Amino acid sequence: MKSNDNFFAQVYQVVRLIPSGKVTTYGAIASYLGSKGSARMVGWAMNAAHGMKDVPAHRVVNRNGMLTGKTHFASPNLMQELLEKEGVLVENNKIVDFENFLWDPAIALEL
């Protein structure tokens, strides 16, 4: 069984690969790592990533495109501001046209 530290490190490796202007979901990361159903643990990893400059946590959202992690950023609007700087439109804490910005690691990182 993997330790949380190892799982978190794997999550961060995937998150670092999300291209600018794209987002993925907690569940997509969990599924890619072979832990389908561990989306909440990916969320915990994202919460622990704040302050890690090389982990773009703002690019990870819930399965509906909602900015559910925004409360863990330095300011309530920072997650949205970072996404909008990358060309991702957000309205009412939700990504507009979510499917067009969605990056699925299972497809993008296919061997």
PDB file of N, CA and C in Angstrom:
ATOM      1  N   MET A   1       0.838  -1.187   0.000  1.00  0.00           N
ATOM      2  CA  MET A   1       0.000   0.000   0.000  1.00  0.00           C
ATOM      3  C   MET A   1       0.881   1.249   0.000  1.00  0.00           C
ATOM      4  N   LYS A   2       0.489   2.235  -0.807  1.00  0.00           N
ATOM      5  CA  LYS A   2       1.274   3.462  -0.925  1.00  0.00           C
ATOM      6  C   LYS A   2       1.008   4.371   0.261  1.00  0.00           C
ATOM      7  N   SER A   3       2.027   5.073   0.673  1.00  0.00           N
ATOM      8  CA  SER A   3       1.839   6.067   1.731  1.00  0.00           C
ATOM      9  C   SER A   3       1.205   7.308   1.122  1.00  0.00           C
ATOM     10  N   ASN A   4       0.610   8.137   1.977  1.00  0.00           N
ATOM     11  CA  ASN A   4       0.030   9.395   1.503  1.00  0.00           C
ATOM     12  C   ASN A   4       1.086  10.270   0.849  1.00  0.00           C
ATOM     13  N   ASP A   5       2.300  10.297   1.429  1.00  0.00           N
ATOM     14  CA  ASP A   5       3.363  11.127   0.871  1.00  0.00           C
ATOM     15  C   ASP A   5       3.676  10.717  -0.558  1.00  0.00           C
ATOM     16  N   ASN A   6       3.761   9.435  -0.818  1.00  0.00           N
ATOM     17  CA  ASN A   6       4.037   8.936  -2.153  1.00  0.00           C
ATOM     18  C   ASN A   6       2.885   9.273  -3.097  1.00  0.00           C
ATOM     19  N   PHE A   7       1.656   9.093  -2.640  1.00  0.00           N
ATOM     20  CA  PHE A   7       0.484   9.417  -3.457  1.00  0.00           C
ATOM     21  C   PHE A   7       0.483  10.909  -3.781  1.00  0.00           C
ATOM     22  N   PHE A   8       0.722  11.748  -2.773  1.00  0.00           N
ATOM     23  CA  PHE A   8       0.755  13.190  -2.980  1.00  0.00           C
ATOM     24  C   PHE A   8       1.828  13.545  -4.009  1.00  0.00           C
ATOM     25  N   ALA A   9       3.000  12.939  -3.919  1.00  0.00           N
ATOM     26  CA  ALA A   9       4.080  13.208  -4.873  1.00  0.00           C
ATOM     27  C   ALA A   9       3.658  12.835  -6.294  1.00  0.00           C
ATOM     28  N   GLN A  10       2.936  11.734  -6.432  1.00  0.00           N
ATOM     29  CA  GLN A  10       2.449  11.319  -7.747  1.00  0.00           C
ATOM     30  C   GLN A  10       1.412  12.319  -8.275  1.00  0.00           C
ATOM     31  N   VAL A  11       0.542  12.789  -7.389  1.00  0.00           N
ATOM     32  CA  VAL A  11      -0.449  13.800  -7.775  1.00  0.00           C
ATOM     33  C   VAL A  11       0.276  15.041  -8.296  1.00  0.00           C
ATOM     34  N   TYR A  12       1.285  15.490  -7.572  1.00  0.00           N
ATOM     35  CA  TYR A  12       2.015  16.692  -7.970  1.00  0.00           C
ATOM     36  C   TYR A  12       2.707  16.505  -9.317  1.00  0.00           C
ATOM     37  N   GLN A  13       3.212  15.306  -9.575  1.00  0.00           N
ATOM     38  CA  GLN A  13       3.844  15.035 -10.871  1.00  0.00           C
ATOM     39  C   GLN A  13       2.843  15.224 -12.005  1.00  0.00           C
ATOM     40  N   VAL A  14       1.621  14.721 -11.807  1.00  0.00           N
ATOM     41  CA  VAL A  14       0.578  14.859 -12.831  1.00  0.00           C
ATOM     42  C   VAL A  14       0.175  16.318 -12.977  1.00  0.00           C
ATOM     43  N   VAL A  15      -0.039  17.008 -11.874  1.00  0.00           N
ATOM     44  CA  VAL A  15      -0.497  18.398 -11.916  1.00  0.00           C
ATOM     45  C   VAL A  15       0.529  19.284 -12.628  1.00  0.00           C
ATOM     46  N   ARG A  16       1.791  19.004 -12.439  1.00  0.00           N
ATOM     47  CA  ARG A  16       2.834  19.790 -13.114  1.00  0.00           C
ATOM     48  C   ARG A  16       2.759  19.652 -14.638  1.00  0.00           C
ATOM     49  N   LEU A  17       2.123  18.610 -15.135  1.00  0.00           N
ATOM     50  CA  LEU A  17       2.028  18.366 -16.571  1.00  0.00           C
ATOM     51  C   LEU A  17       0.802  19.002 -17.218  1.00  0.00           C
ATOM     52  N   ILE A  18      -0.116  19.530 -16.429  1.00  0.00           N
ATOM     53  CA  ILE A  18      -1.313  20.163 -16.989  1.00  0.00           C
ATOM     54  C   ILE A  18      -0.867  21.419 -17.738  1.00  0.00           C
ATOM     55  N   PRO A  19      -1.168  21.495 -19.021  1.00  0.00           N
ATOM     56  CA  PRO A  19      -0.743  22.672 -19.792  1.00  0.00           C
ATOM     57  C   PRO A  19      -1.449  23.952 -19.340  1.00  0.00           C
ATOM     58  N   SER A  20      -0.772  25.056 -19.509  1.00  0.00           N
ATOM     59  CA  SER A  20      -1.376  26.360 -19.247  1.00  0.00           C
ATOM     60  C   SER A  20      -2.633  26.489 -20.104  1.00  0.00           C
ATOM     61  N   GLY A  21      -3.702  27.022 -19.528  1.00  0.00           N
ATOM     62  CA  GLY A  21      -4.957  27.180 -20.256  1.00  0.00           C
ATOM     63  C   GLY A  21      -5.830  25.941 -20.253  1.00  0.00           C
ATOM     64  N   LYS A  22      -5.419  24.924 -19.509  1.00  0.00           N
ATOM     65  CA  LYS A  22      -6.201  23.688 -19.382  1.00  0.00           C
ATOM     66  C   LYS A  22      -6.432  23.395 -17.908  1.00  0.00           C
ATOM     67  N   VAL A  23      -7.424  22.579 -17.643  1.00  0.00           N
ATOM     68  CA  VAL A  23      -7.721  22.143 -16.275  1.00  0.00           C
ATOM     69  C   VAL A  23      -8.002  20.651 -16.286  1.00  0.00           C
ATOM     70  N   THR A  24      -7.908  20.047 -15.126  1.00  0.00           N
ATOM     71  CA  THR A  24      -8.322  18.663 -14.978  1.00  0.00           C
ATOM     72  C   THR A  24      -9.087  18.547 -13.667  1.00  0.00           C
ATOM     73  N   THR A  25      -9.585  17.364 -13.389  1.00  0.00           N
ATOM     74  CA  THR A  25     -10.393  17.172 -12.188  1.00  0.00           C
ATOM     75  C   THR A  25      -9.665  16.297 -11.178  1.00  0.00           C
ATOM     76  N   TYR A  26     -10.112  16.404  -9.952  1.00  0.00           N
ATOM     77  CA  TYR A  26      -9.565  15.566  -8.882  1.00  0.00           C
ATOM     78  C   TYR A  26      -9.736  14.092  -9.255  1.00  0.00           C
ATOM     79  N   GLY A  27     -10.916  13.757  -9.753  1.00  0.00           N
ATOM     80  CA  GLY A  27     -11.219  12.377 -10.114  1.00  0.00           C
ATOM     81  C   GLY A  27     -10.398  11.858 -11.271  1.00  0.00           C
ATOM     82  N   ALA A  28     -10.126  12.717 -12.264  1.00  0.00           N
ATOM     83  CA  ALA A  28      -9.322  12.298 -13.417  1.00  0.00           C
ATOM     84  C   ALA A  28      -7.902  11.973 -12.981  1.00  0.00           C
ATOM     85  N   ILE A  29      -7.375  12.767 -12.053  1.00  0.00           N
ATOM     86  CA  ILE A  29      -6.031  12.493 -11.542  1.00  0.00           C
ATOM     87  C   ILE A  29      -6.023  11.180 -10.766  1.00  0.00           C
ATOM     88  N   ALA A  30      -7.004  11.009  -9.890  1.00  0.00           N
ATOM     89  CA  ALA A  30      -7.087   9.778  -9.092  1.00  0.00           C
ATOM     90  C   ALA A  30      -7.189   8.556  -9.997  1.00  0.00           C
ATOM     91  N   SER A  31      -8.040   8.636 -11.005  1.00  0.00           N
ATOM     92  CA  SER A  31      -8.222   7.524 -11.930  1.00  0.00           C
ATOM     93  C   SER A  31      -6.927   7.219 -12.679  1.00  0.00           C
ATOM     94  N   TYR A  32      -6.253   8.254 -13.154  1.00  0.00           N
ATOM     95  CA  TYR A  32      -4.991   8.066 -13.867  1.00  0.00           C
ATOM     96  C   TYR A  32      -3.959   7.359 -12.990  1.00  0.00           C
ATOM     97  N   LEU A  33      -3.964   7.684 -11.698  1.00  0.00           N
ATOM     98  CA  LEU A  33      -2.996   7.086 -10.773  1.00  0.00           C
ATOM     99  C   LEU A  33      -3.429   5.703 -10.282  1.00  0.00           C
ATOM    100  N   GLY A  34      -4.526   5.190 -10.831  1.00  0.00           N
ATOM    101  CA  GLY A  34      -4.987   3.859 -10.459  1.00  0.00           C
ATOM    102  C   GLY A  34      -5.725   3.824  -9.142  1.00  0.00           C
ATOM    103  N   SER A  35      -6.199   4.967  -8.696  1.00  0.00           N
ATOM    104  CA  SER A  35      -6.930   5.065  -7.425  1.00  0.00           C
ATOM    105  C   SER A  35      -8.298   5.674  -7.640  1.00  0.00           C
ATOM    106  N   LYS A  36      -9.009   5.159  -8.629  1.00  0.00           N
ATOM    107  CA  LYS A  36     -10.355   5.658  -8.909  1.00  0.00           C
ATOM    108  C   LYS A  36     -11.149   5.647  -7.612  1.00  0.00           C
ATOM    109  N   GLY A  37     -11.844   6.711  -7.339  1.00  0.00           N
ATOM    110  CA  GLY A  37     -12.580   6.815  -6.090  1.00  0.00           C
ATOM    111  C   GLY A  37     -11.810   7.561  -5.013  1.00  0.00           C
ATOM    112  N   SER A  38     -10.599   7.997  -5.346  1.00  0.00           N
ATOM    113  CA  SER A  38      -9.774   8.727  -4.373  1.00  0.00           C
ATOM    114  C   SER A  38      -9.673  10.210  -4.708  1.00  0.00           C
ATOM    115  N   ALA A  39     -10.700  10.746  -5.329  1.00  0.00           N
ATOM    116  CA  ALA A  39     -10.698  12.168  -5.698  1.00  0.00           C
ATOM    117  C   ALA A  39     -10.501  13.053  -4.468  1.00  0.00           C
ATOM    118  N   ARG A  40     -11.098  12.665  -3.367  1.00  0.00           N
ATOM    119  CA  ARG A  40     -10.960  13.464  -2.140  1.00  0.00           C
ATOM    120  C   ARG A  40      -9.499  13.520  -1.680  1.00  0.00           C
ATOM    121  N   MET A  41      -8.795  12.407  -1.829  1.00  0.00           N
ATOM    122  CA  MET A  41      -7.382  12.392  -1.433  1.00  0.00           C
ATOM    123  C   MET A  41      -6.568  13.306  -2.355  1.00  0.00           C
ATOM    124  N   VAL A  42      -6.926  13.365  -3.638  1.00  0.00           N
ATOM    125  CA  VAL A  42      -6.269  14.304  -4.552  1.00  0.00           C
ATOM    126  C   VAL A  42      -6.531  15.730  -4.072  1.00  0.00           C
ATOM    127  N   GLY A  43      -7.746  15.994  -3.616  1.00  0.00           N
ATOM    128  CA  GLY A  43      -8.076  17.309  -3.053  1.00  0.00           C
ATOM    129  C   GLY A  43      -7.207  17.636  -1.850  1.00  0.00           C
ATOM    130  N   TRP A  44      -6.976  16.659  -1.007  1.00  0.00           N
ATOM    131  CA  TRP A  44      -6.102  16.881   0.157  1.00  0.00           C
ATOM    132  C   TRP A  44      -4.689  17.210  -0.307  1.00  0.00           C
ATOM    133  N   ALA A  45      -4.240  16.513  -1.341  1.00  0.00           N
ATOM    134  CA  ALA A  45      -2.909  16.795  -1.889  1.00  0.00           C
ATOM    135  C   ALA A  45      -2.850  18.222  -2.423  1.00  0.00           C
ATOM    136  N   MET A  46      -3.908  18.646  -3.098  1.00  0.00           N
ATOM    137  CA  MET A  46      -3.929  20.010  -3.627  1.00  0.00           C
ATOM    138  C   MET A  46      -3.909  21.033  -2.489  1.00  0.00           C
ATOM    139  N   ASN A  47      -4.642  20.759  -1.419  1.00  0.00           N
ATOM    140  CA  ASN A  47      -4.636  21.666  -0.262  1.00  0.00           C
ATOM    141  C   ASN A  47      -3.240  21.768   0.330  1.00  0.00           C
ATOM    142  N   ALA A  48      -2.527  20.669   0.345  1.00  0.00           N
ATOM    143  CA  ALA A  48      -1.177  20.650   0.905  1.00  0.00           C
ATOM    144  C   ALA A  48      -0.152  21.278  -0.047  1.00  0.00           C
ATOM    145  N   ALA A  49      -0.531  21.493  -1.300  1.00  0.00           N
ATOM    146  CA  ALA A  49       0.401  22.006  -2.309  1.00  0.00           C
ATOM    147  C   ALA A  49       0.544  23.521  -2.296  1.00  0.00           C
ATOM    148  N   HIS A  50      -0.338  24.207  -1.595  1.00  0.00           N
ATOM    149  CA  HIS A  50      -0.279  25.665  -1.612  1.00  0.00           C
ATOM    150  C   HIS A  50       1.035  26.129  -1.024  1.00  0.00           C
ATOM    151  N   GLY A  51       1.674  27.022  -1.744  1.00  0.00           N
ATOM    152  CA  GLY A  51       3.005  27.461  -1.371  1.00  0.00           C
ATOM    153  C   GLY A  51       4.073  26.765  -2.192  1.00  0.00           C
ATOM    154  N   MET A  52       3.691  25.688  -2.885  1.00  0.00           N
ATOM    155  CA  MET A  52       4.626  25.004  -3.785  1.00  0.00           C
ATOM    156  C   MET A  52       4.487  25.672  -5.157  1.00  0.00           C
ATOM    157  N   LYS A  53       5.423  26.527  -5.479  1.00  0.00           N
ATOM    158  CA  LYS A  53       5.338  27.338  -6.703  1.00  0.00           C
ATOM    159  C   LYS A  53       5.306  26.513  -7.986  1.00  0.00           C
ATOM    160  N   ASP A  54       5.853  25.311  -7.945  1.00  0.00           N
ATOM    161  CA  ASP A  54       5.927  24.498  -9.161  1.00  0.00           C
ATOM    162  C   ASP A  54       4.728  23.568  -9.348  1.00  0.00           C
ATOM    163  N   VAL A  55       3.715  23.686  -8.485  1.00  0.00           N
ATOM    164  CA  VAL A  55       2.509  22.856  -8.609  1.00  0.00           C
ATOM    165  C   VAL A  55       1.330  23.788  -8.893  1.00  0.00           C
ATOM    166  N   PRO A  56       0.849  23.832 -10.150  1.00  0.00           N
ATOM    167  CA  PRO A  56      -0.243  24.738 -10.506  1.00  0.00           C
ATOM    168  C   PRO A  56      -1.612  24.228 -10.029  1.00  0.00           C
ATOM    169  N   ALA A  57      -1.821  24.309  -8.728  1.00  0.00           N
ATOM    170  CA  ALA A  57      -3.044  23.783  -8.114  1.00  0.00           C
ATOM    171  C   ALA A  57      -4.314  24.443  -8.651  1.00  0.00           C
ATOM    172  N   HIS A  58      -4.185  25.654  -9.184  1.00  0.00           N
ATOM    173  CA  HIS A  58      -5.361  26.354  -9.713  1.00  0.00           C
ATOM    174  C   HIS A  58      -5.962  25.641 -10.927  1.00  0.00           C
ATOM    175  N   ARG A  59      -5.221  24.724 -11.515  1.00  0.00           N
ATOM    176  CA  ARG A  59      -5.706  24.005 -12.705  1.00  0.00           C
ATOM    177  C   ARG A  59      -6.479  22.736 -12.361  1.00  0.00           C
ATOM    178  N   VAL A  60      -6.746  22.496 -11.092  1.00  0.00           N
ATOM    179  CA  VAL A  60      -7.490  21.303 -10.682  1.00  0.00           C
ATOM    180  C   VAL A  60      -8.828  21.743 -10.102  1.00  0.00           C
ATOM    181  N   VAL A  61      -9.904  21.235 -10.704  1.00  0.00           N
ATOM    182  CA  VAL A  61     -11.268  21.629 -10.332  1.00  0.00           C
ATOM    183  C   VAL A  61     -12.114  20.381 -10.107  1.00  0.00           C
ATOM    184  N   ASN A  62     -13.357  20.585  -9.700  1.00  0.00           N
ATOM    185  CA  ASN A  62     -14.200  19.405  -9.502  1.00  0.00           C
ATOM    186  C   ASN A  62     -14.770  18.909 -10.835  1.00  0.00           C
ATOM    187  N   ARG A  63     -15.462  17.811 -10.805  1.00  0.00           N
ATOM    188  CA  ARG A  63     -15.933  17.152 -12.041  1.00  0.00           C
ATOM    189  C   ARG A  63     -16.906  17.993 -12.855  1.00  0.00           C
ATOM    190  N   ASN A  64     -17.469  19.041 -12.239  1.00  0.00           N
ATOM    191  CA  ASN A  64     -18.404  19.921 -12.942  1.00  0.00           C
ATOM    192  C   ASN A  64     -17.751  21.224 -13.385  1.00  0.00           C
ATOM    193  N   GLY A  65     -16.440  21.347 -13.143  1.00  0.00           N
ATOM    194  CA  GLY A  65     -15.749  22.572 -13.521  1.00  0.00           C
ATOM    195  C   GLY A  65     -15.845  23.681 -12.483  1.00  0.00           C
ATOM    196  N   MET A  66     -16.284  23.317 -11.284  1.00  0.00           N
ATOM    197  CA  MET A  66     -16.402  24.307 -10.206  1.00  0.00           C
ATOM    198  C   MET A  66     -15.056  24.506  -9.512  1.00  0.00           C
ATOM    199  N   LEU A  67     -14.785  25.747  -9.105  1.00  0.00           N
ATOM    200  CA  LEU A  67     -13.543  26.079  -8.409  1.00  0.00           C
ATOM    201  C   LEU A  67     -13.683  25.791  -6.920  1.00  0.00           C
ATOM    202  N   THR A  68     -13.863  24.533  -6.594  1.00  0.00           N
ATOM    203  CA  THR A  68     -14.116  24.149  -5.205  1.00  0.00           C
ATOM    204  C   THR A  68     -12.911  24.342  -4.308  1.00  0.00           C
ATOM    205  N   GLY A  69     -11.714  24.422  -4.863  1.00  0.00           N
ATOM    206  CA  GLY A  69     -10.512  24.592  -4.054  1.00  0.00           C
ATOM    207  C   GLY A  69     -10.141  26.042  -3.801  1.00  0.00           C
ATOM    208  N   LYS A  70     -10.954  26.984  -4.292  1.00  0.00           N
ATOM    209  CA  LYS A  70     -10.582  28.398  -4.234  1.00  0.00           C
ATOM    210  C   LYS A  70     -10.403  28.940  -2.823  1.00  0.00           C
ATOM    211  N   THR A  71     -11.068  28.346  -1.857  1.00  0.00           N
ATOM    212  CA  THR A  71     -10.959  28.842  -0.482  1.00  0.00           C
ATOM    213  C   THR A  71      -9.597  28.562   0.132  1.00  0.00           C
ATOM    214  N   HIS A  72      -8.823  27.712  -0.509  1.00  0.00           N
ATOM    215  CA  HIS A  72      -7.504  27.366   0.026  1.00  0.00           C
ATOM    216  C   HIS A  72      -6.386  28.223  -0.556  1.00  0.00           C
ATOM    217  N   PHE A  73      -6.739  29.167  -1.416  1.00  0.00           N
ATOM    218  CA  PHE A  73      -5.753  30.075  -1.991  1.00  0.00           C
ATOM    219  C   PHE A  73      -5.617  31.310  -1.096  1.00  0.00           C
ATOM    220  N   ALA A  74      -4.554  32.078  -1.320  1.00  0.00           N
ATOM    221  CA  ALA A  74      -4.241  33.243  -0.483  1.00  0.00           C
ATOM    222  C   ALA A  74      -5.377  34.259  -0.446  1.00  0.00           C
ATOM    223  N   SER A  75      -6.103  34.385  -1.553  1.00  0.00           N
ATOM    224  CA  SER A  75      -7.286  35.249  -1.576  1.00  0.00           C
ATOM    225  C   SER A  75      -8.405  34.487  -2.270  1.00  0.00           C
ATOM    226  N   PRO A  76      -9.657  34.820  -1.962  1.00  0.00           N
ATOM    227  CA  PRO A  76     -10.785  34.070  -2.526  1.00  0.00           C
ATOM    228  C   PRO A  76     -10.872  34.114  -4.052  1.00  0.00           C
ATOM    229  N   ASN A  77     -10.276  35.130  -4.674  1.00  0.00           N
ATOM    230  CA  ASN A  77     -10.372  35.264  -6.128  1.00  0.00           C
ATOM    231  C   ASN A  77      -9.119  34.818  -6.870  1.00  0.00           C
ATOM    232  N   LEU A  78      -8.085  34.412  -6.148  1.00  0.00           N
ATOM    233  CA  LEU A  78      -6.804  34.103  -6.785  1.00  0.00           C
ATOM    234  C   LEU A  78      -6.894  32.944  -7.774  1.00  0.00           C
ATOM    235  N   MET A  79      -7.600  31.904  -7.445  1.00  0.00           N
ATOM    236  CA  MET A  79      -7.720  30.752  -8.349  1.00  0.00           C
ATOM    237  C   MET A  79      -8.330  31.198  -9.675  1.00  0.00           C
ATOM    238  N   GLN A  80      -9.410  31.952  -9.602  1.00  0.00           N
ATOM    239  CA  GLN A  80     -10.068  32.457 -10.807  1.00  0.00           C
ATOM    240  C   GLN A  80      -9.133  33.384 -11.586  1.00  0.00           C
ATOM    241  N   GLU A  81      -8.437  34.269 -10.892  1.00  0.00           N
ATOM    242  CA  GLU A  81      -7.518  35.194 -11.552  1.00  0.00           C
ATOM    243  C   GLU A  81      -6.413  34.451 -12.295  1.00  0.00           C
ATOM    244  N   LEU A  82      -5.861  33.417 -11.667  1.00  0.00           N
ATOM    245  CA  LEU A  82      -4.799  32.635 -12.310  1.00  0.00           C
ATOM    246  C   LEU A  82      -5.313  31.921 -13.555  1.00  0.00           C
ATOM    247  N   LEU A  83      -6.506  31.360 -13.462  1.00  0.00           N
ATOM    248  CA  LEU A  83      -7.089  30.678 -14.627  1.00  0.00           C
ATOM    249  C   LEU A  83      -7.377  31.670 -15.749  1.00  0.00           C
ATOM    250  N   GLU A  84      -7.927  32.826 -15.400  1.00  0.00           N
ATOM    251  CA  GLU A  84      -8.263  33.816 -16.422  1.00  0.00           C
ATOM    252  C   GLU A  84      -7.009  34.364 -17.106  1.00  0.00           C
ATOM    253  N   LYS A  85      -5.898  34.458 -16.388  1.00  0.00           N
ATOM    254  CA  LYS A  85      -4.624  34.876 -17.005  1.00  0.00           C
ATOM    255  C   LYS A  85      -4.190  33.884 -18.072  1.00  0.00           C
ATOM    256  N   GLU A  86      -4.652  32.633 -17.933  1.00  0.00           N
ATOM    257  CA  GLU A  86      -4.307  31.581 -18.902  1.00  0.00           C
ATOM    258  C   GLU A  86      -5.375  31.417 -19.977  1.00  0.00           C
ATOM    259  N   GLY A  87      -6.381  32.301 -19.970  1.00  0.00           N
ATOM    260  CA  GLY A  87      -7.415  32.259 -20.998  1.00  0.00           C
ATOM    261  C   GLY A  87      -8.625  31.413 -20.666  1.00  0.00           C
ATOM    262  N   VAL A  88      -8.740  30.963 -19.421  1.00  0.00           N
ATOM    263  CA  VAL A  88      -9.884  30.150 -18.997  1.00  0.00           C
ATOM    264  C   VAL A  88     -10.932  31.078 -18.397  1.00  0.00           C
ATOM    265  N   LEU A  89     -12.099  31.140 -19.006  1.00  0.00           N
ATOM    266  CA  LEU A  89     -13.168  32.016 -18.535  1.00  0.00           C
ATOM    267  C   LEU A  89     -13.927  31.352 -17.390  1.00  0.00           C
ATOM    268  N   VAL A  90     -14.135  32.113 -16.323  1.00  0.00           N
ATOM    269  CA  VAL A  90     -14.838  31.610 -15.143  1.00  0.00           C
ATOM    270  C   VAL A  90     -16.000  32.551 -14.821  1.00  0.00           C
ATOM    271  N   GLU A  91     -17.172  31.999 -14.628  1.00  0.00           N
ATOM    272  CA  GLU A  91     -18.344  32.763 -14.200  1.00  0.00           C
ATOM    273  C   GLU A  91     -19.019  32.020 -13.062  1.00  0.00           C
ATOM    274  N   ASN A  92     -19.336  32.747 -12.005  1.00  0.00           N
ATOM    275  CA  ASN A  92     -19.992  32.160 -10.838  1.00  0.00           C
ATOM    276  C   ASN A  92     -19.238  30.944 -10.309  1.00  0.00           C
ATOM    277  N   ASN A  93     -17.915  31.059 -10.233  1.00  0.00           N
ATOM    278  CA  ASN A  93     -17.046  30.002  -9.704  1.00  0.00           C
ATOM    279  C   ASN A  93     -17.054  28.721 -10.524  1.00  0.00           C
ATOM    280  N   LYS A  94     -17.448  28.832 -11.804  1.00  0.00           N
ATOM    281  CA  LYS A  94     -17.484  27.661 -12.679  1.00  0.00           C
ATOM    282  C   LYS A  94     -16.840  28.013 -14.016  1.00  0.00           C
ATOM    283  N   ILE A  95     -16.085  27.059 -14.559  1.00  0.00           N
ATOM    284  CA  ILE A  95     -15.435  27.276 -15.846  1.00  0.00           C
ATOM    285  C   ILE A  95     -16.480  27.245 -16.956  1.00  0.00           C
ATOM    286  N   VAL A  96     -16.478  28.295 -17.757  1.00  0.00           N
ATOM    287  CA  VAL A  96     -17.381  28.389 -18.899  1.00  0.00           C
ATOM    288  C   VAL A  96     -16.831  27.498 -20.001  1.00  0.00           C
ATOM    289  N   ASP A  97     -17.695  26.719 -20.623  1.00  0.00           N
ATOM    290  CA  ASP A  97     -17.288  25.811 -21.696  1.00  0.00           C
ATOM    291  C   ASP A  97     -16.234  24.817 -21.191  1.00  0.00           C
ATOM    292  N   PHE A  98     -16.502  24.259 -20.045  1.00  0.00           N
ATOM    293  CA  PHE A  98     -15.589  23.369 -19.318  1.00  0.00           C
ATOM    294  C   PHE A  98     -14.967  22.285 -20.190  1.00  0.00           C
ATOM    295  N   GLU A  99     -15.757  21.643 -21.034  1.00  0.00           N
ATOM    296  CA  GLU A  99     -15.268  20.522 -21.849  1.00  0.00           C
ATOM    297  C   GLU A  99     -14.111  20.936 -22.758  1.00  0.00           C
ATOM    298  N   ASN A 100     -14.119  22.194 -23.219  1.00  0.00           N
ATOM    299  CA  ASN A 100     -13.055  22.656 -24.116  1.00  0.00           C
ATOM    300  C   ASN A 100     -11.743  22.933 -23.389  1.00  0.00           C
ATOM    301  N   PHE A 101     -11.789  23.080 -22.083  1.00  0.00           N
ATOM    302  CA  PHE A 101     -10.581  23.340 -21.303  1.00  0.00           C
ATOM    303  C   PHE A 101     -10.091  22.092 -20.559  1.00  0.00           C
ATOM    304  N   LEU A 102     -10.884  21.023 -20.621  1.00  0.00           N
ATOM    305  CA  LEU A 102     -10.580  19.815 -19.853  1.00  0.00           C
ATOM    306  C   LEU A 102      -9.400  19.047 -20.445  1.00  0.00           C
ATOM    307  N   TRP A 103      -8.444  18.750 -19.592  1.00  0.00           N
ATOM    308  CA  TRP A 103      -7.259  17.962 -19.938  1.00  0.00           C
ATOM    309  C   TRP A 103      -7.342  16.677 -19.129  1.00  0.00           C
ATOM    310  N   ASP A 104      -7.417  15.549 -19.824  1.00  0.00           N
ATOM    311  CA  ASP A 104      -7.533  14.259 -19.152  1.00  0.00           C
ATOM    312  C   ASP A 104      -6.175  13.557 -19.193  1.00  0.00           C
ATOM    313  N   PRO A 105      -5.547  13.354 -18.031  1.00  0.00           N
ATOM    314  CA  PRO A 105      -4.224  12.716 -18.053  1.00  0.00           C
ATOM    315  C   PRO A 105      -4.239  11.322 -18.651  1.00  0.00           C
ATOM    316  N   ALA A 106      -5.344  10.606 -18.535  1.00  0.00           N
ATOM    317  CA  ALA A 106      -5.421   9.250 -19.090  1.00  0.00           C
ATOM    318  C   ALA A 106      -5.282   9.267 -20.611  1.00  0.00           C
ATOM    319  N   ILE A 107      -5.721  10.344 -21.235  1.00  0.00           N
ATOM    320  CA  ILE A 107      -5.610  10.476 -22.692  1.00  0.00           C
ATOM    321  C   ILE A 107      -4.296  11.163 -23.050  1.00  0.00           C
ATOM    322  N   ALA A 108      -4.003  12.270 -22.390  1.00  0.00           N
ATOM    323  CA  ALA A 108      -2.827  13.078 -22.727  1.00  0.00           C
ATOM    324  C   ALA A 108      -1.514  12.347 -22.425  1.00  0.00           C
ATOM    325  N   LEU A 109      -1.510  11.525 -21.400  1.00  0.00           N
ATOM    326  CA  LEU A 109      -0.281  10.855 -20.983  1.00  0.00           C
ATOM    327  C   LEU A 109      -0.261   9.381 -21.360  1.00  0.00           C
ATOM    328  N   GLU A 110      -1.116   9.012 -22.307  1.00  0.00           N
ATOM    329  CA  GLU A 110      -1.210   7.626 -22.749  1.00  0.00           C
ATOM    330  C   GLU A 110       0.141   7.155 -23.282  1.00  0.00           C
ATOM    331  N   LEU A 111       0.520   5.979 -22.867  1.00  0.00           N
ATOM    332  CA  LEU A 111       1.818   5.419 -23.310  1.00  0.00           C
ATOM    333  C   LEU A 111       1.720   4.805 -24.693  1.00  0.00           C
TER     334      LEU A 111
END
